[in-house]
Amino acid sequence: MFRRIIDSIRKIFHRIYSLYKRLYFKRCGKRLFIKHPCYVFGGSMIVIGDNFHAEKRLRLEAFRNGNRDPKIFIGNNVEITWDCHIGAINCIEIDDNVLIGSRVLITDHSHGHIPPISADVAPIRRELYSKGPVKICKNVWIGEGASILPGVTIGENTIIGAGSVVTHSLPANCVAAGVPAKIIKTF
């Protein structure tokens, strides 16, 4: 009985926290549920759809890069599990019904442009550089520990295996895994 009371208090706390976090974003749909803690930077450039659910320690970051405003769009019925990081200086779009496993990185940028990177400049001092936007289409499932890198589009119904590094676009209706991710099955 004591355990149920504690669980009820936690749920109430997370609902109140979700209401508070709504204030951080440009726009949010209905039934936003974000567990504490969640780190948001540049929330005025982030749009979230209906039925969004995020577990603890989500990082959403939209950094201005020169005169360009970044954008992060998250569609309806998206679920993000523990310790995920989504960072944009260009555009990241996540369509409806996407499931993102724990410890996933989705980024559209890196520190420095190759070539030329000067070996004399520390990585933290290099300007952020984007090779292009990231688009994750409907019904995609991204496995635990995967990394989605700049300039990538992942087609509808695609599954990304745990621990994969996606360096290039993938078509719809496939399973991809590995470092770098390769198509291992189509359906």
Protein backbone atom coordinates (compact mmCIF):
# COMPACT_ATOMS: atom_id res chain seq x y z
CA MET A 1 0.00 0.00 0.00
CA PHE A 2 2.82 2.39 0.89
CA ARG A 3 4.41 1.65 -2.51
CA ARG A 4 1.19 2.61 -4.34
CA ILE A 5 1.03 5.89 -2.46
CA ILE A 6 4.63 6.71 -3.40
CA ASP A 7 3.94 5.79 -7.06
CA SER A 8 0.85 8.04 -7.06
CA ILE A 9 2.88 10.93 -5.63
CA ARG A 10 5.55 10.41 -8.32
CA LYS A 11 2.94 10.45 -11.09
CA ILE A 12 1.45 13.67 -9.74
CA PHE A 13 4.93 15.21 -9.50
CA HIS A 14 5.75 14.27 -13.12
CA ARG A 15 2.41 15.66 -14.34
CA ILE A 16 3.07 18.96 -12.59
CA TYR A 17 6.63 18.96 -13.96
CA SER A 18 5.24 18.35 -17.48
CA LEU A 19 2.90 21.34 -17.11
CA TYR A 20 5.87 23.45 -16.05
CA LYS A 21 8.03 22.24 -18.97
CA ARG A 22 5.30 23.21 -21.48
CA LEU A 23 6.36 26.81 -20.86
CA TYR A 24 9.80 26.08 -22.34
CA PHE A 25 8.62 25.18 -25.84
CA LYS A 26 7.34 27.19 -28.78
CA ARG A 27 4.30 24.92 -29.03
CA CYS A 28 3.13 21.67 -27.43
CA GLY A 29 0.24 19.39 -28.23
CA LYS A 30 -2.12 17.64 -25.84
CA ARG A 31 -0.98 15.11 -23.23
CA LEU A 32 2.66 16.09 -22.89
CA PHE A 33 4.39 13.88 -20.30
CA ILE A 34 8.04 14.53 -19.43
CA LYS A 35 9.75 12.98 -16.43
CA HIS A 36 12.11 15.03 -14.27
CA PRO A 37 14.82 16.02 -15.06
CA CYS A 38 14.62 17.25 -18.65
CA TYR A 39 17.14 19.75 -20.03
CA VAL A 40 15.93 22.20 -22.67
CA PHE A 41 18.01 24.83 -24.45
CA GLY A 42 16.45 26.98 -27.18
CA GLY A 43 12.92 25.80 -26.41
CA SER A 44 11.43 28.69 -28.41
CA MET A 45 12.59 26.80 -31.53
CA ILE A 46 11.12 23.42 -30.52
CA VAL A 47 7.62 22.21 -31.46
CA ILE A 48 6.14 19.04 -29.92
CA GLY A 49 2.96 17.25 -31.06
CA ASP A 50 0.23 15.37 -29.14
CA ASN A 51 0.83 12.38 -26.84
CA PHE A 52 4.55 13.01 -26.31
CA HIS A 53 6.19 10.89 -23.62
CA ALA A 54 9.81 11.28 -22.43
CA GLU A 55 11.61 9.43 -19.67
CA LYS A 56 14.25 10.96 -17.40
CA ARG A 57 17.26 13.00 -18.53
CA LEU A 58 16.11 13.99 -22.01
CA ARG A 59 18.27 16.77 -23.53
CA LEU A 60 16.69 18.92 -26.24
CA GLU A 61 19.02 21.61 -27.58
CA ALA A 62 18.47 24.07 -30.42
CA PHE A 63 21.52 26.34 -30.86
CA ARG A 64 21.45 29.48 -33.01
CA ASN A 65 24.22 29.36 -35.58
CA GLY A 66 24.97 32.78 -37.02
CA ASN A 67 21.78 34.28 -38.49
CA ARG A 68 20.05 30.92 -38.81
CA ASP A 69 17.41 29.74 -36.35
CA PRO A 70 17.42 25.97 -35.78
CA LYS A 71 14.22 23.94 -35.59
CA ILE A 72 13.24 20.76 -33.82
CA PHE A 73 9.85 19.31 -34.77
CA ILE A 74 8.54 16.27 -32.89
CA GLY A 75 5.31 14.73 -34.18
CA ASN A 76 2.40 12.98 -32.48
CA ASN A 77 2.67 9.78 -30.43
CA VAL A 78 6.44 9.96 -30.02
CA GLU A 79 8.05 8.14 -27.11
CA ILE A 80 11.62 8.79 -26.01
CA THR A 81 13.18 6.66 -23.28
CA TRP A 82 16.05 7.37 -20.86
CA ASP A 83 19.11 9.58 -21.39
CA CYS A 84 18.50 10.73 -24.97
CA HIS A 85 20.10 13.78 -26.57
CA ILE A 86 18.63 15.66 -29.55
CA GLY A 87 20.71 18.65 -30.71
CA ALA A 88 20.12 20.96 -33.68
CA ILE A 89 21.71 23.99 -35.32
CA ASN A 90 19.83 23.32 -38.57
CA CYS A 91 16.67 21.17 -38.47
CA ILE A 92 15.65 17.88 -36.89
CA GLU A 93 12.22 16.52 -37.76
CA ILE A 94 10.77 13.45 -36.04
CA ASP A 95 7.44 12.33 -37.55
CA ASP A 96 4.52 10.56 -35.86
CA ASN A 97 4.63 7.22 -34.01
CA VAL A 98 8.40 7.10 -33.50
CA LEU A 99 9.93 5.09 -30.64
CA ILE A 100 13.42 6.09 -29.50
CA GLY A 101 15.36 3.78 -27.19
CA SER A 102 17.62 4.79 -24.30
CA ARG A 103 20.88 6.69 -24.77
CA VAL A 104 20.16 7.68 -28.38
CA LEU A 105 21.94 10.67 -29.95
CA ILE A 106 20.28 12.56 -32.79
CA THR A 107 22.33 15.50 -34.07
CA ASP A 108 22.56 17.61 -37.21
CA HIS A 109 25.96 19.13 -36.40
CA SER A 110 29.53 18.64 -35.23
CA HIS A 111 32.41 20.77 -33.98
CA GLY A 112 34.22 21.90 -37.10
CA HIS A 113 34.06 21.47 -40.84
CA ILE A 114 36.21 18.77 -42.43
CA PRO A 115 38.19 19.85 -44.41
CA PRO A 116 39.80 22.00 -43.21
CA ILE A 117 40.03 21.59 -39.48
CA SER A 118 42.98 23.32 -38.00
CA ALA A 119 44.83 21.08 -35.58
CA ASP A 120 45.72 24.27 -33.71
CA VAL A 121 42.08 24.94 -32.73
CA ALA A 122 40.68 23.00 -29.79
CA PRO A 123 37.43 21.15 -30.64
CA ILE A 124 35.45 23.21 -28.11
CA ARG A 125 36.57 26.42 -29.90
CA ARG A 126 35.58 25.26 -33.38
CA GLU A 127 32.38 26.64 -34.87
CA LEU A 128 29.44 24.25 -35.01
CA TYR A 129 28.90 22.93 -38.53
CA SER A 130 25.91 21.11 -40.05
CA LYS A 131 26.11 18.73 -43.02
CA GLY A 132 22.33 18.95 -43.33
CA PRO A 133 19.04 18.35 -41.55
CA VAL A 134 17.90 15.08 -40.01
CA LYS A 135 14.48 13.62 -40.84
CA ILE A 136 13.03 10.57 -39.13
CA CYS A 137 9.86 9.46 -40.90
CA LYS A 138 6.73 7.82 -39.45
CA ASN A 139 6.75 4.55 -37.50
CA VAL A 140 10.52 4.37 -37.04
CA TRP A 141 12.00 2.45 -34.12
CA ILE A 142 15.50 3.46 -33.02
CA GLY A 143 17.23 0.93 -30.77
CA GLU A 144 19.17 1.64 -27.60
CA GLY A 145 22.49 3.45 -27.89
CA ALA A 146 22.11 4.36 -31.58
CA SER A 147 23.49 7.57 -33.08
CA ILE A 148 21.80 9.41 -35.94
CA LEU A 149 24.27 11.79 -37.58
CA PRO A 150 23.85 14.93 -39.76
CA GLY A 151 22.28 14.87 -43.21
CA VAL A 152 20.36 11.63 -42.65
CA THR A 153 16.79 10.71 -43.60
CA ILE A 154 15.34 7.49 -42.17
CA GLY A 155 12.39 6.18 -44.20
CA GLU A 156 9.00 5.07 -42.84
CA ASN A 157 8.73 1.83 -40.84
CA THR A 158 12.51 1.44 -40.56
CA ILE A 159 14.13 -0.20 -37.55
CA ILE A 160 17.59 0.90 -36.39
CA GLY A 161 19.45 -1.75 -34.39
CA ALA A 162 20.85 -1.07 -30.93
CA GLY A 163 24.27 0.58 -30.93
CA SER A 164 24.12 1.48 -34.63
CA VAL A 165 25.67 4.63 -36.09
CA VAL A 166 23.57 5.98 -38.96
CA THR A 167 25.86 8.00 -41.26
CA HIS A 168 23.75 7.96 -44.44
CA SER A 169 20.06 7.97 -45.39
CA LEU A 170 18.05 4.75 -45.20
CA PRO A 171 14.98 3.79 -47.26
CA ALA A 172 11.55 2.85 -45.91
CA ASN A 173 10.68 -0.63 -44.67
CA CYS A 174 14.07 -1.98 -43.68
CA VAL A 175 16.16 -3.04 -40.71
CA ALA A 176 19.60 -1.44 -40.43
CA ALA A 177 22.35 -2.16 -37.93
CA GLY A 178 26.07 -1.81 -37.39
CA VAL A 179 28.80 0.80 -37.37
CA PRO A 180 28.22 2.34 -39.83
CA ALA A 181 24.62 1.15 -40.16
CA LYS A 182 23.90 -1.07 -43.16
CA ILE A 183 20.62 -2.58 -44.34
CA ILE A 184 20.39 -6.15 -43.11
CA LYS A 185 16.77 -6.85 -44.03
CA THR A 186 13.97 -5.32 -46.10
CA PHE A 187 10.28 -6.02 -45.79
